[in-house]
Amino acid sequence: MNEEVIQRILTHCRTLTRHEVEKAIKDRKTSSGGLLTDAAATRLVAAEYGVEVKVRKSAPKIYIEQLVSGLNNVTITGRVLTLGETKQFSTANRQGQVARVTIADRTGRINVILWNERAEITKMIQPGQIVRVLHGYVRRSKYGPMELSVGERGDLQVSPSDVVETDYPQIKNSEYSPSRIIDLKEGINIHVLEGVIKTQPNLKEVTTKSGENVLVTSFELEDSTGKIRVSAWRKHAEKLAELNAGSKVVLKNTYVKRGLGSQLEINTRASTEIVTFQ
């Protein structure tokens, strides 16, 4: 595959030499800190020169609404709604990088988690583009909603040539219109929610199941359709603790789970964005 792609680059860009292409691939691997394989680095260089690397084999078409936790070798296509920043991680067993992309088809939306070298692909993506996730696996996240992960065996194809644009929802202003509290259900991701803080935010420190001490701020949020409890964690806790009842707040990229008394509540995640109005 690498040799084939190199030849396609040289054919497409006749002013380039093989030495220049191989150096570009080597430089891309070096800049990634060794996270990219030869194949991934070659694919990225090809994209930079406008050469599309097509996937020769595709899995049967399925839709987001059909995904269930435990599915492996999943191939699915959707339009990019949002892109999260690439972050570094380190655990006792491994270290690397991870990025989050939210995609949608006509049946729903899902967060796609790109691990290590696959996270580099987000540099080639813009909201509104159609992407195809190849050989991913579905797991329920620790926050509740399902996620589609792309690891070493998986891949992500940008703007596949065989898709019909009209089959996928366009990004319109309505895509970013606030959800209504009355419509919220357990396990869903909320792109935008806005409301007024009805109870004074309460900041406290709690101990998680893993033994970590973290800050959490809780309050009741109200819109024209109802009320719901909000729990803002870690860095978001301190920001929201400074607000008073009556303040307007816009929450982006949150999720719904069962909280105290098995009641629905909104929780923040690391990628949540918060806009406040005093």
C-alpha atoms as a PDB file:
ATOM      1  CA  MET A   1       0.000   0.000   0.000  1.00  0.00           C
ATOM      2  CA  ASN A   2       2.771   2.484   0.896  1.00  0.00           C
ATOM      3  CA  GLU A   3       4.592   2.013  -2.414  1.00  0.00           C
ATOM      4  CA  GLU A   4       1.350   2.320  -4.354  1.00  0.00           C
ATOM      5  CA  VAL A   5       0.473   5.575  -2.593  1.00  0.00           C
ATOM      6  CA  ILE A   6       3.957   7.004  -3.130  1.00  0.00           C
ATOM      7  CA  GLN A   7       3.674   6.265  -6.835  1.00  0.00           C
ATOM      8  CA  ARG A   8       0.292   7.977  -6.961  1.00  0.00           C
ATOM      9  CA  ILE A   9       1.767  11.057  -5.276  1.00  0.00           C
ATOM     10  CA  LEU A  10       4.619  11.171  -7.803  1.00  0.00           C
ATOM     11  CA  THR A  11       2.175  10.774 -10.686  1.00  0.00           C
ATOM     12  CA  HIS A  12      -0.106  13.494  -9.335  1.00  0.00           C
ATOM     13  CA  CYS A  13       2.717  15.934  -8.527  1.00  0.00           C
ATOM     14  CA  ARG A  14       5.247  15.505 -11.325  1.00  0.00           C
ATOM     15  CA  THR A  15       7.584  18.185  -9.966  1.00  0.00           C
ATOM     16  CA  LEU A  16       8.215  16.154  -6.810  1.00  0.00           C
ATOM     17  CA  THR A  17      11.048  13.671  -6.484  1.00  0.00           C
ATOM     18  CA  ARG A  18      10.835  10.372  -4.660  1.00  0.00           C
ATOM     19  CA  HIS A  19      13.383  11.670  -2.159  1.00  0.00           C
ATOM     20  CA  GLU A  20      11.149  14.661  -1.342  1.00  0.00           C
ATOM     21  CA  VAL A  21       8.111  12.436  -0.816  1.00  0.00           C
ATOM     22  CA  GLU A  22       9.988   9.999   1.418  1.00  0.00           C
ATOM     23  CA  LYS A  23      11.438  12.908   3.404  1.00  0.00           C
ATOM     24  CA  ALA A  24       7.934  14.375   3.869  1.00  0.00           C
ATOM     25  CA  ILE A  25       6.721  11.011   5.182  1.00  0.00           C
ATOM     26  CA  LYS A  26       9.687  10.726   7.538  1.00  0.00           C
ATOM     27  CA  ASP A  27       9.190  14.298   8.793  1.00  0.00           C
ATOM     28  CA  ARG A  28       5.497  13.605   9.431  1.00  0.00           C
ATOM     29  CA  LYS A  29       6.402  10.534  11.521  1.00  0.00           C
ATOM     30  CA  THR A  30       9.008  12.516  13.457  1.00  0.00           C
ATOM     31  CA  SER A  31       6.622  15.411  14.186  1.00  0.00           C
ATOM     32  CA  SER A  32       4.091  12.947  15.626  1.00  0.00           C
ATOM     33  CA  GLY A  33       6.583  11.788  18.225  1.00  0.00           C
ATOM     34  CA  GLY A  34       6.679   8.296  16.784  1.00  0.00           C
ATOM     35  CA  LEU A  35       2.909   7.751  17.066  1.00  0.00           C
ATOM     36  CA  LEU A  36       2.348   7.393  13.323  1.00  0.00           C
ATOM     37  CA  THR A  37       3.056   4.224  11.372  1.00  0.00           C
ATOM     38  CA  ASP A  38       4.565   4.387   7.878  1.00  0.00           C
ATOM     39  CA  ALA A  39       1.129   3.750   6.376  1.00  0.00           C
ATOM     40  CA  ALA A  40      -0.569   6.520   8.370  1.00  0.00           C
ATOM     41  CA  ALA A  41       2.201   9.033   7.639  1.00  0.00           C
ATOM     42  CA  THR A  42       2.083   8.181   3.934  1.00  0.00           C
ATOM     43  CA  ARG A  43      -1.691   8.620   3.883  1.00  0.00           C
ATOM     44  CA  LEU A  44      -1.443  12.055   5.514  1.00  0.00           C
ATOM     45  CA  VAL A  45       1.247  13.207   3.093  1.00  0.00           C
ATOM     46  CA  ALA A  46      -0.886  11.984   0.191  1.00  0.00           C
ATOM     47  CA  ALA A  47      -3.825  14.047   1.461  1.00  0.00           C
ATOM     48  CA  GLU A  48      -1.598  17.145   1.708  1.00  0.00           C
ATOM     49  CA  TYR A  49      -0.769  16.770  -1.992  1.00  0.00           C
ATOM     50  CA  GLY A  50      -4.396  16.218  -2.954  1.00  0.00           C
ATOM     51  CA  VAL A  51      -4.171  12.471  -3.528  1.00  0.00           C
ATOM     52  CA  GLU A  52      -7.178  10.522  -2.236  1.00  0.00           C
ATOM     53  CA  VAL A  53      -6.428   7.099  -0.806  1.00  0.00           C
ATOM     54  CA  LYS A  54      -9.554   5.089  -1.462  1.00  0.00           C
ATOM     55  CA  VAL A  55     -10.678   2.179   0.660  1.00  0.00           C
ATOM     56  CA  ARG A  56     -11.094  -0.799  -1.608  1.00  0.00           C
ATOM     57  CA  LYS A  57     -13.360  -2.853   0.598  1.00  0.00           C
ATOM     58  CA  SER A  58     -16.419  -1.608   2.440  1.00  0.00           C
ATOM     59  CA  ALA A  59     -18.618  -3.276   5.017  1.00  0.00           C
ATOM     60  CA  PRO A  60     -22.430  -3.550   4.658  1.00  0.00           C
ATOM     61  CA  LYS A  61     -24.103  -0.201   5.269  1.00  0.00           C
ATOM     62  CA  ILE A  62     -25.591   0.353   8.711  1.00  0.00           C
ATOM     63  CA  TYR A  63     -26.964   3.437  10.427  1.00  0.00           C
ATOM     64  CA  ILE A  64     -26.160   5.092  13.738  1.00  0.00           C
ATOM     65  CA  GLU A  65     -29.514   4.130  15.272  1.00  0.00           C
ATOM     66  CA  GLN A  66     -28.604   0.457  14.756  1.00  0.00           C
ATOM     67  CA  LEU A  67     -25.399   0.605  16.801  1.00  0.00           C
ATOM     68  CA  VAL A  68     -25.320  -1.251  20.116  1.00  0.00           C
ATOM     69  CA  SER A  69     -22.560  -1.664  22.654  1.00  0.00           C
ATOM     70  CA  GLY A  70     -20.287  -4.602  21.883  1.00  0.00           C
ATOM     71  CA  LEU A  71     -20.366  -4.371  18.089  1.00  0.00           C
ATOM     72  CA  ASN A  72     -16.959  -4.746  16.425  1.00  0.00           C
ATOM     73  CA  ASN A  73     -15.661  -4.196  12.916  1.00  0.00           C
ATOM     74  CA  VAL A  74     -18.226  -1.438  12.339  1.00  0.00           C
ATOM     75  CA  THR A  75     -18.155   0.665   9.182  1.00  0.00           C
ATOM     76  CA  ILE A  76     -20.462   3.672   9.149  1.00  0.00           C
ATOM     77  CA  THR A  77     -20.720   6.980   7.306  1.00  0.00           C
ATOM     78  CA  GLY A  78     -21.822  10.367   8.629  1.00  0.00           C
ATOM     79  CA  ARG A  79     -21.428  14.112   8.384  1.00  0.00           C
ATOM     80  CA  VAL A  80     -19.032  15.823  10.806  1.00  0.00           C
ATOM     81  CA  LEU A  81     -20.892  18.070  13.249  1.00  0.00           C
ATOM     82  CA  THR A  82     -18.126  18.983  15.699  1.00  0.00           C
ATOM     83  CA  LEU A  83     -14.413  18.427  16.170  1.00  0.00           C
ATOM     84  CA  GLY A  84     -12.767  18.168  19.577  1.00  0.00           C
ATOM     85  CA  GLU A  85      -9.156  19.091  20.192  1.00  0.00           C
ATOM     86  CA  THR A  86      -6.490  16.389  20.177  1.00  0.00           C
ATOM     87  CA  LYS A  87      -5.328  15.621  23.703  1.00  0.00           C
ATOM     88  CA  GLN A  88      -2.394  13.699  25.125  1.00  0.00           C
ATOM     89  CA  PHE A  89      -3.005  10.983  27.729  1.00  0.00           C
ATOM     90  CA  SER A  90      -0.822   8.901  29.993  1.00  0.00           C
ATOM     91  CA  THR A  91      -1.717   5.900  32.148  1.00  0.00           C
ATOM     92  CA  ALA A  92       0.280   3.328  34.055  1.00  0.00           C
ATOM     93  CA  ASN A  93       0.257   1.066  30.994  1.00  0.00           C
ATOM     94  CA  ARG A  94       0.405   3.370  27.995  1.00  0.00           C
ATOM     95  CA  GLN A  95       0.460   6.871  26.639  1.00  0.00           C
ATOM     96  CA  GLY A  96      -0.669   8.488  23.429  1.00  0.00           C
ATOM     97  CA  GLN A  97      -3.224  10.905  22.039  1.00  0.00           C
ATOM     98  CA  VAL A  98      -6.956  10.947  21.500  1.00  0.00           C
ATOM     99  CA  ALA A  99      -9.453  13.112  19.590  1.00  0.00           C
ATOM    100  CA  ARG A 100     -13.244  13.237  19.447  1.00  0.00           C
ATOM    101  CA  VAL A 101     -15.420  13.809  16.372  1.00  0.00           C
ATOM    102  CA  THR A 102     -19.221  13.947  16.414  1.00  0.00           C
ATOM    103  CA  ILE A 103     -20.898  12.639  13.256  1.00  0.00           C
ATOM    104  CA  ALA A 104     -24.536  12.302  12.198  1.00  0.00           C
ATOM    105  CA  ASP A 105     -26.585  10.434   9.632  1.00  0.00           C
ATOM    106  CA  ARG A 106     -30.334  10.603   9.023  1.00  0.00           C
ATOM    107  CA  THR A 107     -31.016   8.358  12.049  1.00  0.00           C
ATOM    108  CA  GLY A 108     -28.930   9.969  14.798  1.00  0.00           C
ATOM    109  CA  ARG A 109     -25.512  11.084  15.941  1.00  0.00           C
ATOM    110  CA  ILE A 110     -22.583   9.543  17.793  1.00  0.00           C
ATOM    111  CA  ASN A 111     -19.178  10.521  19.140  1.00  0.00           C
ATOM    112  CA  VAL A 112     -16.261   8.901  17.308  1.00  0.00           C
ATOM    113  CA  ILE A 113     -13.115   8.470  19.413  1.00  0.00           C
ATOM    114  CA  LEU A 114      -9.855   8.419  17.463  1.00  0.00           C
ATOM    115  CA  TRP A 115      -6.878   6.915  19.272  1.00  0.00           C
ATOM    116  CA  ASN A 116      -3.164   7.591  18.805  1.00  0.00           C
ATOM    117  CA  GLU A 117      -2.134   7.865  15.149  1.00  0.00           C
ATOM    118  CA  ARG A 118      -5.761   7.972  14.045  1.00  0.00           C
ATOM    119  CA  ALA A 119      -6.202  11.224  16.006  1.00  0.00           C
ATOM    120  CA  GLU A 120      -3.913  12.892  13.453  1.00  0.00           C
ATOM    121  CA  ILE A 121      -6.648  12.485  10.831  1.00  0.00           C
ATOM    122  CA  THR A 122      -8.664  15.268  12.484  1.00  0.00           C
ATOM    123  CA  LYS A 123      -6.175  17.744  10.985  1.00  0.00           C
ATOM    124  CA  MET A 124      -7.654  16.845   7.591  1.00  0.00           C
ATOM    125  CA  ILE A 125     -11.306  17.271   8.628  1.00  0.00           C
ATOM    126  CA  GLN A 126     -13.685  20.238   8.734  1.00  0.00           C
ATOM    127  CA  PRO A 127     -17.240  20.376  10.146  1.00  0.00           C
ATOM    128  CA  GLY A 128     -19.693  19.667   7.353  1.00  0.00           C
ATOM    129  CA  GLN A 129     -17.544  17.076   5.595  1.00  0.00           C
ATOM    130  CA  ILE A 130     -18.702  13.497   5.214  1.00  0.00           C
ATOM    131  CA  VAL A 131     -16.449  10.819   6.691  1.00  0.00           C
ATOM    132  CA  ARG A 132     -16.524   7.041   6.742  1.00  0.00           C
ATOM    133  CA  VAL A 133     -15.451   5.223   9.899  1.00  0.00           C
ATOM    134  CA  LEU A 134     -13.889   1.853   9.084  1.00  0.00           C
ATOM    135  CA  HIS A 135     -13.512  -1.143  11.395  1.00  0.00           C
ATOM    136  CA  GLY A 136     -14.531   0.699  14.552  1.00  0.00           C
ATOM    137  CA  TYR A 137     -15.933  -0.793  17.736  1.00  0.00           C
ATOM    138  CA  VAL A 138     -18.892   0.362  19.806  1.00  0.00           C
ATOM    139  CA  ARG A 139     -18.681   0.717  23.573  1.00  0.00           C
ATOM    140  CA  ARG A 140     -20.749   2.536  26.168  1.00  0.00           C
ATOM    141  CA  SER A 141     -18.679   5.384  27.593  1.00  0.00           C
ATOM    142  CA  LYS A 142     -18.155   5.859  31.308  1.00  0.00           C
ATOM    143  CA  TYR A 143     -20.579   8.774  31.041  1.00  0.00           C
ATOM    144  CA  GLY A 144     -23.382   6.613  29.626  1.00  0.00           C
ATOM    145  CA  PRO A 145     -23.826   7.335  25.883  1.00  0.00           C
ATOM    146  CA  MET A 146     -22.402   4.937  23.297  1.00  0.00           C
ATOM    147  CA  GLU A 147     -19.207   5.832  21.458  1.00  0.00           C
ATOM    148  CA  LEU A 148     -17.588   4.499  18.307  1.00  0.00           C
ATOM    149  CA  SER A 149     -13.844   4.014  18.791  1.00  0.00           C
ATOM    150  CA  VAL A 150     -11.203   3.843  16.067  1.00  0.00           C
ATOM    151  CA  GLY A 151      -7.948   2.192  17.096  1.00  0.00           C
ATOM    152  CA  GLU A 152      -5.001   0.575  15.354  1.00  0.00           C
ATOM    153  CA  ARG A 153      -7.169  -1.681  13.184  1.00  0.00           C
ATOM    154  CA  GLY A 154      -9.606   1.055  12.268  1.00  0.00           C
ATOM    155  CA  ASP A 155      -9.420   4.039   9.954  1.00  0.00           C
ATOM    156  CA  LEU A 156     -11.357   7.114   8.903  1.00  0.00           C
ATOM    157  CA  GLN A 157     -11.874   8.069   5.274  1.00  0.00           C
ATOM    158  CA  VAL A 158     -12.515  11.743   4.505  1.00  0.00           C
ATOM    159  CA  SER A 159     -15.035  12.685   1.792  1.00  0.00           C
ATOM    160  CA  PRO A 160     -15.530   9.179   0.313  1.00  0.00           C
ATOM    161  CA  SER A 161     -16.268   9.405  -3.396  1.00  0.00           C
ATOM    162  CA  ASP A 162     -19.228   7.011  -3.402  1.00  0.00           C
ATOM    163  CA  VAL A 163     -21.543   8.871  -1.022  1.00  0.00           C
ATOM    164  CA  VAL A 164     -24.582  10.936  -1.959  1.00  0.00           C
ATOM    165  CA  GLU A 165     -24.420  14.284  -0.138  1.00  0.00           C
ATOM    166  CA  THR A 166     -28.186  14.588   0.174  1.00  0.00           C
ATOM    167  CA  ASP A 167     -28.339  11.320   2.143  1.00  0.00           C
ATOM    168  CA  TYR A 168     -26.753  13.057   5.128  1.00  0.00           C
ATOM    169  CA  PRO A 169     -28.168  15.953   7.174  1.00  0.00           C
ATOM    170  CA  GLN A 170     -26.752  19.352   6.352  1.00  0.00           C
ATOM    171  CA  ILE A 171     -25.303  21.506   9.115  1.00  0.00           C
ATOM    172  CA  LYS A 172     -27.789  24.315   9.512  1.00  0.00           C
ATOM    173  CA  ASN A 173     -28.512  26.822  12.222  1.00  0.00           C
ATOM    174  CA  SER A 174     -31.188  24.401  13.449  1.00  0.00           C
ATOM    175  CA  GLU A 175     -28.448  21.830  14.097  1.00  0.00           C
ATOM    176  CA  TYR A 176     -27.172  24.120  16.811  1.00  0.00           C
ATOM    177  CA  SER A 177     -30.563  25.190  18.124  1.00  0.00           C
ATOM    178  CA  PRO A 178     -30.980  24.466  21.841  1.00  0.00           C
ATOM    179  CA  SER A 179     -32.532  21.201  22.931  1.00  0.00           C
ATOM    180  CA  ARG A 180     -35.660  21.382  25.079  1.00  0.00           C
ATOM    181  CA  ILE A 181     -35.557  20.043  28.623  1.00  0.00           C
ATOM    182  CA  ILE A 182     -38.895  18.306  28.136  1.00  0.00           C
ATOM    183  CA  ASP A 183     -37.383  16.225  25.285  1.00  0.00           C
ATOM    184  CA  LEU A 184     -34.310  14.988  27.172  1.00  0.00           C
ATOM    185  CA  LYS A 185     -33.833  11.247  27.687  1.00  0.00           C
ATOM    186  CA  GLU A 186     -31.266   9.105  29.474  1.00  0.00           C
ATOM    187  CA  GLY A 187     -28.095   8.433  27.514  1.00  0.00           C
ATOM    188  CA  ILE A 188     -28.378  11.156  24.876  1.00  0.00           C
ATOM    189  CA  ASN A 189     -25.701  13.702  24.026  1.00  0.00           C
ATOM    190  CA  ILE A 190     -26.817  17.332  24.073  1.00  0.00           C
ATOM    191  CA  HIS A 191     -25.194  19.633  21.554  1.00  0.00           C
ATOM    192  CA  VAL A 192     -26.668  22.866  22.939  1.00  0.00           C
ATOM    193  CA  LEU A 193     -28.899  23.558  25.935  1.00  0.00           C
ATOM    194  CA  GLU A 194     -29.689  26.948  27.384  1.00  0.00           C
ATOM    195  CA  GLY A 195     -31.680  28.056  30.372  1.00  0.00           C
ATOM    196  CA  VAL A 196     -31.822  30.061  33.565  1.00  0.00           C
ATOM    197  CA  ILE A 197     -30.250  28.901  36.827  1.00  0.00           C
ATOM    198  CA  LYS A 198     -33.130  28.515  39.304  1.00  0.00           C
ATOM    199  CA  THR A 199     -31.261  27.436  42.450  1.00  0.00           C
ATOM    200  CA  GLN A 200     -28.031  28.819  43.854  1.00  0.00           C
ATOM    201  CA  PRO A 201     -25.123  26.697  42.518  1.00  0.00           C
ATOM    202  CA  ASN A 202     -23.656  24.463  45.233  1.00  0.00           C
ATOM    203  CA  LEU A 203     -19.917  23.682  45.008  1.00  0.00           C
ATOM    204  CA  LYS A 204     -18.489  20.713  46.889  1.00  0.00           C
ATOM    205  CA  GLU A 205     -15.707  18.147  46.752  1.00  0.00           C
ATOM    206  CA  VAL A 206     -16.625  14.490  46.241  1.00  0.00           C
ATOM    207  CA  THR A 207     -14.718  11.238  45.975  1.00  0.00           C
ATOM    208  CA  THR A 208     -15.301   9.211  42.810  1.00  0.00           C
ATOM    209  CA  LYS A 209     -15.488   5.424  42.629  1.00  0.00           C
ATOM    210  CA  SER A 210     -11.853   5.413  41.521  1.00  0.00           C
ATOM    211  CA  GLY A 211     -10.841   7.266  44.693  1.00  0.00           C
ATOM    212  CA  GLU A 212     -10.243  10.622  42.993  1.00  0.00           C
ATOM    213  CA  ASN A 213     -11.260  13.805  44.834  1.00  0.00           C
ATOM    214  CA  VAL A 214     -12.951  16.206  42.412  1.00  0.00           C
ATOM    215  CA  LEU A 215     -15.076  19.346  42.507  1.00  0.00           C
ATOM    216  CA  VAL A 216     -18.694  19.332  41.406  1.00  0.00           C
ATOM    217  CA  THR A 217     -21.227  22.147  41.247  1.00  0.00           C
ATOM    218  CA  SER A 218     -24.940  21.310  41.157  1.00  0.00           C
ATOM    219  CA  PHE A 219     -27.967  23.481  40.425  1.00  0.00           C
ATOM    220  CA  GLU A 220     -31.378  23.401  38.796  1.00  0.00           C
ATOM    221  CA  LEU A 221     -31.708  24.710  35.235  1.00  0.00           C
ATOM    222  CA  GLU A 222     -34.994  25.856  33.730  1.00  0.00           C
ATOM    223  CA  ASP A 223     -36.166  26.620  30.212  1.00  0.00           C
ATOM    224  CA  SER A 224     -39.663  27.267  28.860  1.00  0.00           C
ATOM    225  CA  THR A 225     -40.463  23.528  28.863  1.00  0.00           C
ATOM    226  CA  GLY A 226     -39.258  22.350  32.259  1.00  0.00           C
ATOM    227  CA  LYS A 227     -36.500  22.000  34.856  1.00  0.00           C
ATOM    228  CA  ILE A 228     -33.548  19.630  35.285  1.00  0.00           C
ATOM    229  CA  ARG A 229     -30.604  19.193  37.632  1.00  0.00           C
ATOM    230  CA  VAL A 230     -27.127  20.015  36.291  1.00  0.00           C
ATOM    231  CA  SER A 231     -23.865  18.595  37.680  1.00  0.00           C
ATOM    232  CA  ALA A 232     -20.739  20.391  36.456  1.00  0.00           C
ATOM    233  CA  TRP A 233     -17.452  18.623  37.128  1.00  0.00           C
ATOM    234  CA  ARG A 234     -13.828  19.632  37.694  1.00  0.00           C
ATOM    235  CA  LYS A 235     -12.872  22.832  35.827  1.00  0.00           C
ATOM    236  CA  HIS A 236     -16.511  23.546  34.982  1.00  0.00           C
ATOM    237  CA  ALA A 237     -17.505  23.313  38.644  1.00  0.00           C
ATOM    238  CA  GLU A 238     -15.475  26.358  39.653  1.00  0.00           C
ATOM    239  CA  LYS A 239     -16.739  28.465  36.757  1.00  0.00           C
ATOM    240  CA  LEU A 240     -20.412  27.770  37.411  1.00  0.00           C
ATOM    241  CA  ALA A 241     -20.034  28.100  41.185  1.00  0.00           C
ATOM    242  CA  GLU A 242     -19.407  31.817  40.656  1.00  0.00           C
ATOM    243  CA  LEU A 243     -22.880  32.356  39.168  1.00  0.00           C
ATOM    244  CA  ASN A 244     -26.068  33.249  40.982  1.00  0.00           C
ATOM    245  CA  ALA A 245     -29.654  32.102  40.647  1.00  0.00           C
ATOM    246  CA  GLY A 246     -31.228  34.002  37.775  1.00  0.00           C
ATOM    247  CA  SER A 247     -28.128  33.863  35.547  1.00  0.00           C
ATOM    248  CA  LYS A 248     -28.559  32.603  31.995  1.00  0.00           C
ATOM    249  CA  VAL A 249     -26.223  29.827  30.853  1.00  0.00           C
ATOM    250  CA  VAL A 250     -25.592  27.982  27.585  1.00  0.00           C
ATOM    251  CA  LEU A 251     -24.145  24.458  27.860  1.00  0.00           C
ATOM    252  CA  LYS A 252     -22.555  22.772  24.825  1.00  0.00           C
ATOM    253  CA  ASN A 253     -21.610  19.097  24.493  1.00  0.00           C
ATOM    254  CA  THR A 254     -23.117  17.614  27.656  1.00  0.00           C
ATOM    255  CA  TYR A 255     -24.993  14.361  28.268  1.00  0.00           C
ATOM    256  CA  VAL A 256     -27.976  13.023  30.237  1.00  0.00           C
ATOM    257  CA  LYS A 257     -27.790  10.287  32.881  1.00  0.00           C
ATOM    258  CA  ARG A 258     -29.643   9.115  35.972  1.00  0.00           C
ATOM    259  CA  GLY A 259     -28.496  10.905  39.103  1.00  0.00           C
ATOM    260  CA  LEU A 260     -29.782  11.283  42.658  1.00  0.00           C
ATOM    261  CA  GLY A 261     -33.015   9.422  43.218  1.00  0.00           C
ATOM    262  CA  SER A 262     -32.733   8.000  39.682  1.00  0.00           C
ATOM    263  CA  GLN A 263     -33.790  11.385  38.325  1.00  0.00           C
ATOM    264  CA  LEU A 264     -32.497  12.618  34.985  1.00  0.00           C
ATOM    265  CA  GLU A 265     -29.655  15.115  35.217  1.00  0.00           C
ATOM    266  CA  ILE A 266     -27.248  16.837  32.860  1.00  0.00           C
ATOM    267  CA  ASN A 267     -23.529  16.206  33.329  1.00  0.00           C
ATOM    268  CA  THR A 268     -20.541  17.994  31.843  1.00  0.00           C
ATOM    269  CA  ARG A 269     -17.536  16.270  30.283  1.00  0.00           C
ATOM    270  CA  ALA A 270     -13.998  17.468  29.581  1.00  0.00           C
ATOM    271  CA  SER A 271     -14.986  18.841  26.166  1.00  0.00           C
ATOM    272  CA  THR A 272     -18.054  20.735  27.432  1.00  0.00           C
ATOM    273  CA  GLU A 273     -18.210  24.451  26.613  1.00  0.00           C
ATOM    274  CA  ILE A 274     -20.024  26.923  28.846  1.00  0.00           C
ATOM    275  CA  VAL A 275     -21.240  30.426  28.005  1.00  0.00           C
ATOM    276  CA  THR A 276     -22.610  32.489  30.888  1.00  0.00           C
ATOM    277  CA  PHE A 277     -24.677  35.670  31.082  1.00  0.00           C
ATOM    278  CA  GLN A 278     -24.930  37.419  34.428  1.00  0.00           C
END
